[in-house]
Amino acid sequence: MPLLTLVSRLPDGLSLAESMDSGKNEIDMEYYRNQAKQIFRTLSLKSQDRMTIESGGFYFAYLIRNEVCYLTLCEKSYPRKLAFTFLEELQKEFDTSYGSEVANAKRPYAFIKFDTFIQKTKKLYLDTRSQRNMSKVSEDLEDIQRIMSKNVQEILGRGEKIEVATKRAAEIMAESDKYYKTAKALNSQMFLRKYGPVLLVVA
């Protein structure tokens, strides 16, 4: 289930709202809370609009909409589809209730009252085996597989912007794809050179 949820304004990283699970060890949650704030500092308007970032036995999932980032921490066993559906519900409600006020917010946690909605919504996502959540997990599995996943040390360890790491990963994938196609073409040429005459004789 979502253990820690933060809402932040993306251009300057201003914290807008937050909700923490009081049932978990406070020291552990503070550690991950600090990691979450570091992740916010690596984001920009050019970052991917959604991503998962693994950290120990947990992962962060974030969603960016209208220059606001919604981030939650979940245990690794928690379905990622549910994590993003949870964030989408938060985004819709926050945008409806406070969207017009975000740009003018001056102080941190200006919308701390949003914690009430976060807590209420979180209760709906506690039981991953409920019929409601099972149906959500089964929907659009391909979409969740397309979401990039990285390790927190890849992002925070180098202190680089997430879009830089994403661009580098995309370039590596493009190069790999190019190499695969070239190798495949060469293999086809070698096959024809070796067996082409034989095939012509048989024909």
Protein backbone atom coordinates (compact mmCIF):
# COMPACT_ATOMS: atom_id res chain seq x y z
CA MET A 1 0.00 0.00 0.00
CA PRO A 2 1.13 3.64 -0.37
CA LEU A 3 3.20 4.41 2.75
CA LEU A 4 4.35 7.94 2.06
CA THR A 5 2.81 10.42 -0.37
CA LEU A 6 4.07 13.86 -1.33
CA VAL A 7 2.82 16.54 -3.69
CA SER A 8 5.30 19.10 -4.99
CA ARG A 9 5.29 22.01 -7.43
CA LEU A 10 7.70 20.99 -10.15
CA PRO A 11 9.46 24.17 -11.29
CA ASP A 12 10.84 25.03 -7.85
CA GLY A 13 10.21 21.86 -5.81
CA LEU A 14 7.93 23.61 -3.30
CA SER A 15 6.19 21.02 -1.11
CA LEU A 16 2.43 21.44 -1.41
CA ALA A 17 1.02 18.52 0.59
CA GLU A 18 2.21 15.38 2.35
CA SER A 19 0.85 12.27 4.02
CA MET A 20 2.87 9.71 5.97
CA ASP A 21 1.82 6.33 7.33
CA SER A 22 2.17 6.69 11.09
CA GLY A 23 2.11 2.92 11.51
CA LYS A 24 5.61 2.52 10.09
CA ASN A 25 8.93 3.10 11.83
CA GLU A 26 9.35 6.87 11.97
CA ILE A 27 13.11 6.78 11.36
CA ASP A 28 12.70 4.65 8.22
CA MET A 29 9.98 6.93 6.91
CA GLU A 30 12.13 9.99 7.50
CA TYR A 31 14.94 8.36 5.49
CA TYR A 32 12.62 7.72 2.54
CA ARG A 33 11.04 11.14 2.94
CA ASN A 34 14.48 12.70 2.46
CA GLN A 35 15.05 10.51 -0.58
CA ALA A 36 11.72 11.67 -2.01
CA LYS A 37 12.77 15.30 -1.63
CA GLN A 38 16.06 14.55 -3.35
CA ILE A 39 14.15 12.97 -6.23
CA PHE A 40 12.05 16.11 -6.55
CA ARG A 41 15.25 18.12 -6.96
CA THR A 42 16.27 15.98 -9.95
CA LEU A 43 12.98 16.57 -11.78
CA SER A 44 12.27 19.26 -14.34
CA LEU A 45 9.61 20.07 -16.91
CA LYS A 46 11.51 17.85 -19.37
CA SER A 47 11.39 14.77 -17.13
CA GLN A 48 9.29 11.75 -18.03
CA ASP A 49 5.76 12.24 -16.78
CA ARG A 50 5.79 8.96 -14.85
CA MET A 51 8.47 6.62 -13.54
CA THR A 52 9.23 4.11 -10.79
CA ILE A 53 12.46 4.36 -8.80
CA GLU A 54 13.50 1.38 -6.69
CA SER A 55 15.02 1.91 -3.25
CA GLY A 56 15.83 -1.11 -1.08
CA GLY A 57 12.68 -3.10 -0.39
CA PHE A 58 10.52 -0.25 -1.68
CA TYR A 59 9.91 1.80 -4.78
CA PHE A 60 8.83 5.35 -5.50
CA ALA A 61 6.23 5.97 -8.18
CA TYR A 62 5.73 9.47 -9.46
CA LEU A 63 3.27 11.16 -11.81
CA ILE A 64 3.65 14.66 -13.26
CA ARG A 65 0.63 16.67 -14.37
CA ASN A 66 0.27 20.44 -14.91
CA GLU A 67 3.70 21.16 -13.37
CA VAL A 68 2.81 19.31 -10.17
CA CYS A 69 4.50 16.04 -9.16
CA TYR A 70 2.63 13.38 -7.17
CA LEU A 71 4.95 10.83 -5.59
CA THR A 72 4.27 7.81 -3.39
CA LEU A 73 6.40 5.15 -1.69
CA CYS A 74 5.26 1.51 -1.78
CA GLU A 75 6.65 -1.87 -0.81
CA LYS A 76 8.15 -3.75 -3.76
CA SER A 77 5.40 -6.35 -3.65
CA TYR A 78 2.68 -3.74 -4.15
CA PRO A 79 1.30 -3.72 -7.73
CA ARG A 80 2.66 -0.79 -9.67
CA LYS A 81 -0.55 -0.43 -11.60
CA LEU A 82 -2.35 0.31 -8.32
CA ALA A 83 0.32 2.82 -7.29
CA PHE A 84 -0.20 4.83 -10.47
CA THR A 85 -3.98 4.54 -10.32
CA PHE A 86 -3.75 5.90 -6.76
CA LEU A 87 -1.64 8.83 -7.95
CA GLU A 88 -4.05 9.51 -10.81
CA GLU A 89 -6.96 9.76 -8.36
CA LEU A 90 -4.97 12.19 -6.22
CA GLN A 91 -4.05 14.26 -9.26
CA LYS A 92 -7.64 14.64 -10.43
CA GLU A 93 -8.88 15.72 -7.01
CA PHE A 94 -5.96 18.06 -6.31
CA ASP A 95 -6.25 19.68 -9.73
CA THR A 96 -9.97 20.23 -9.22
CA SER A 97 -9.62 21.60 -5.68
CA TYR A 98 -6.38 23.58 -5.83
CA GLY A 99 -5.17 23.69 -9.43
CA SER A 100 -5.82 27.40 -9.86
CA GLU A 101 -3.98 28.23 -6.62
CA VAL A 102 -0.75 26.28 -7.15
CA ALA A 103 1.14 28.97 -9.09
CA ASN A 104 0.52 31.55 -6.35
CA ALA A 105 1.49 29.33 -3.40
CA LYS A 106 4.29 30.99 -1.41
CA ARG A 107 4.81 28.78 1.64
CA PRO A 108 5.49 25.03 1.96
CA TYR A 109 2.50 22.74 2.58
CA ALA A 110 0.00 25.41 1.59
CA PHE A 111 -2.46 22.62 0.81
CA ILE A 112 -1.81 20.38 3.81
CA LYS A 113 -5.56 19.84 4.15
CA PHE A 114 -5.27 17.61 1.10
CA ASP A 115 -3.89 14.98 3.50
CA THR A 116 -7.50 14.16 4.42
CA PHE A 117 -8.26 13.11 0.85
CA ILE A 118 -4.96 11.21 0.57
CA GLN A 119 -5.75 9.21 3.72
CA LYS A 120 -9.29 8.49 2.58
CA THR A 121 -8.15 7.36 -0.86
CA LYS A 122 -5.31 5.29 0.54
CA LYS A 123 -7.79 3.13 2.48
CA LEU A 124 -9.31 2.07 -0.85
CA TYR A 125 -5.91 0.74 -1.93
CA LEU A 126 -5.00 -1.22 1.20
CA ASP A 127 -6.33 -4.60 0.07
CA THR A 128 -4.75 -5.52 -3.27
CA ARG A 129 -7.07 -8.57 -3.48
CA SER A 130 -10.32 -6.62 -3.31
CA GLN A 131 -12.43 -6.92 -6.44
CA ARG A 132 -12.07 -3.21 -7.08
CA ASN A 133 -8.29 -3.32 -7.03
CA MET A 134 -7.98 -6.66 -8.83
CA SER A 135 -9.93 -5.22 -11.76
CA LYS A 136 -7.66 -2.17 -11.84
CA VAL A 137 -4.53 -4.32 -11.85
CA SER A 138 -5.81 -6.33 -14.82
CA GLU A 139 -6.51 -3.18 -16.86
CA ASP A 140 -3.93 -1.85 -19.29
CA LEU A 141 -1.04 -4.06 -18.18
CA GLU A 142 0.87 -3.05 -21.29
CA ASP A 143 0.79 0.59 -20.21
CA ILE A 144 2.48 -0.17 -16.89
CA GLN A 145 5.15 -2.26 -18.64
CA ARG A 146 6.11 0.77 -20.73
CA ILE A 147 6.87 2.90 -17.66
CA MET A 148 10.59 3.24 -17.12
CA SER A 149 12.01 1.92 -13.86
CA LYS A 150 15.35 2.97 -12.40
CA ASN A 151 17.28 2.48 -9.17
CA VAL A 152 17.45 5.38 -6.74
CA GLN A 153 21.26 5.29 -6.76
CA GLU A 154 21.25 5.76 -10.53
CA ILE A 155 19.46 9.05 -9.97
CA LEU A 156 20.69 10.34 -6.62
CA GLY A 157 24.14 8.73 -6.66
CA ARG A 158 25.25 10.74 -9.66
CA GLY A 159 23.12 13.75 -8.78
CA GLU A 160 21.97 14.10 -12.37
CA LYS A 161 18.64 15.22 -13.69
CA ILE A 162 16.23 12.39 -14.39
CA GLU A 163 15.71 13.51 -17.98
CA VAL A 164 19.48 13.17 -18.58
CA ALA A 165 19.47 9.59 -17.29
CA THR A 166 16.33 8.87 -19.33
CA LYS A 167 17.89 10.31 -22.49
CA ARG A 168 21.03 8.23 -21.96
CA ALA A 169 18.96 5.07 -21.46
CA ALA A 170 16.98 5.83 -24.63
CA GLU A 171 20.22 6.33 -26.59
CA ILE A 172 21.59 3.01 -25.34
CA MET A 173 18.36 1.26 -26.31
CA ALA A 174 18.48 2.86 -29.76
CA GLU A 175 22.09 1.77 -30.23
CA SER A 176 21.24 -1.76 -29.10
CA ASP A 177 18.35 -1.88 -31.55
CA LYS A 178 20.60 -0.61 -34.34
CA TYR A 179 23.25 -3.22 -33.48
CA TYR A 180 20.62 -5.99 -33.44
CA LYS A 181 19.31 -5.02 -36.88
CA THR A 182 22.85 -4.80 -38.32
CA ALA A 183 23.80 -8.19 -36.87
CA LYS A 184 20.61 -9.72 -38.22
CA ALA A 185 21.29 -8.33 -41.70
CA LEU A 186 24.88 -9.63 -41.65
CA ASN A 187 23.72 -13.07 -40.55
CA SER A 188 21.25 -13.15 -43.44
CA GLN A 189 24.01 -12.17 -45.91
CA MET A 190 26.34 -14.86 -44.55
CA PHE A 191 23.57 -17.45 -44.78
CA LEU A 192 22.92 -16.58 -48.44
CA ARG A 193 26.62 -16.64 -49.32
CA LYS A 194 27.05 -20.04 -47.71
CA TYR A 195 23.86 -21.79 -48.76
CA GLY A 196 22.65 -19.65 -51.68
CA PRO A 197 24.44 -21.74 -54.37
CA VAL A 198 23.13 -24.96 -52.85
CA LEU A 199 19.57 -23.63 -52.83
CA LEU A 200 19.91 -22.61 -56.50
CA VAL A 201 21.16 -26.09 -57.47
CA VAL A 202 18.31 -27.78 -55.58
CA ALA A 203 15.80 -25.48 -57.22
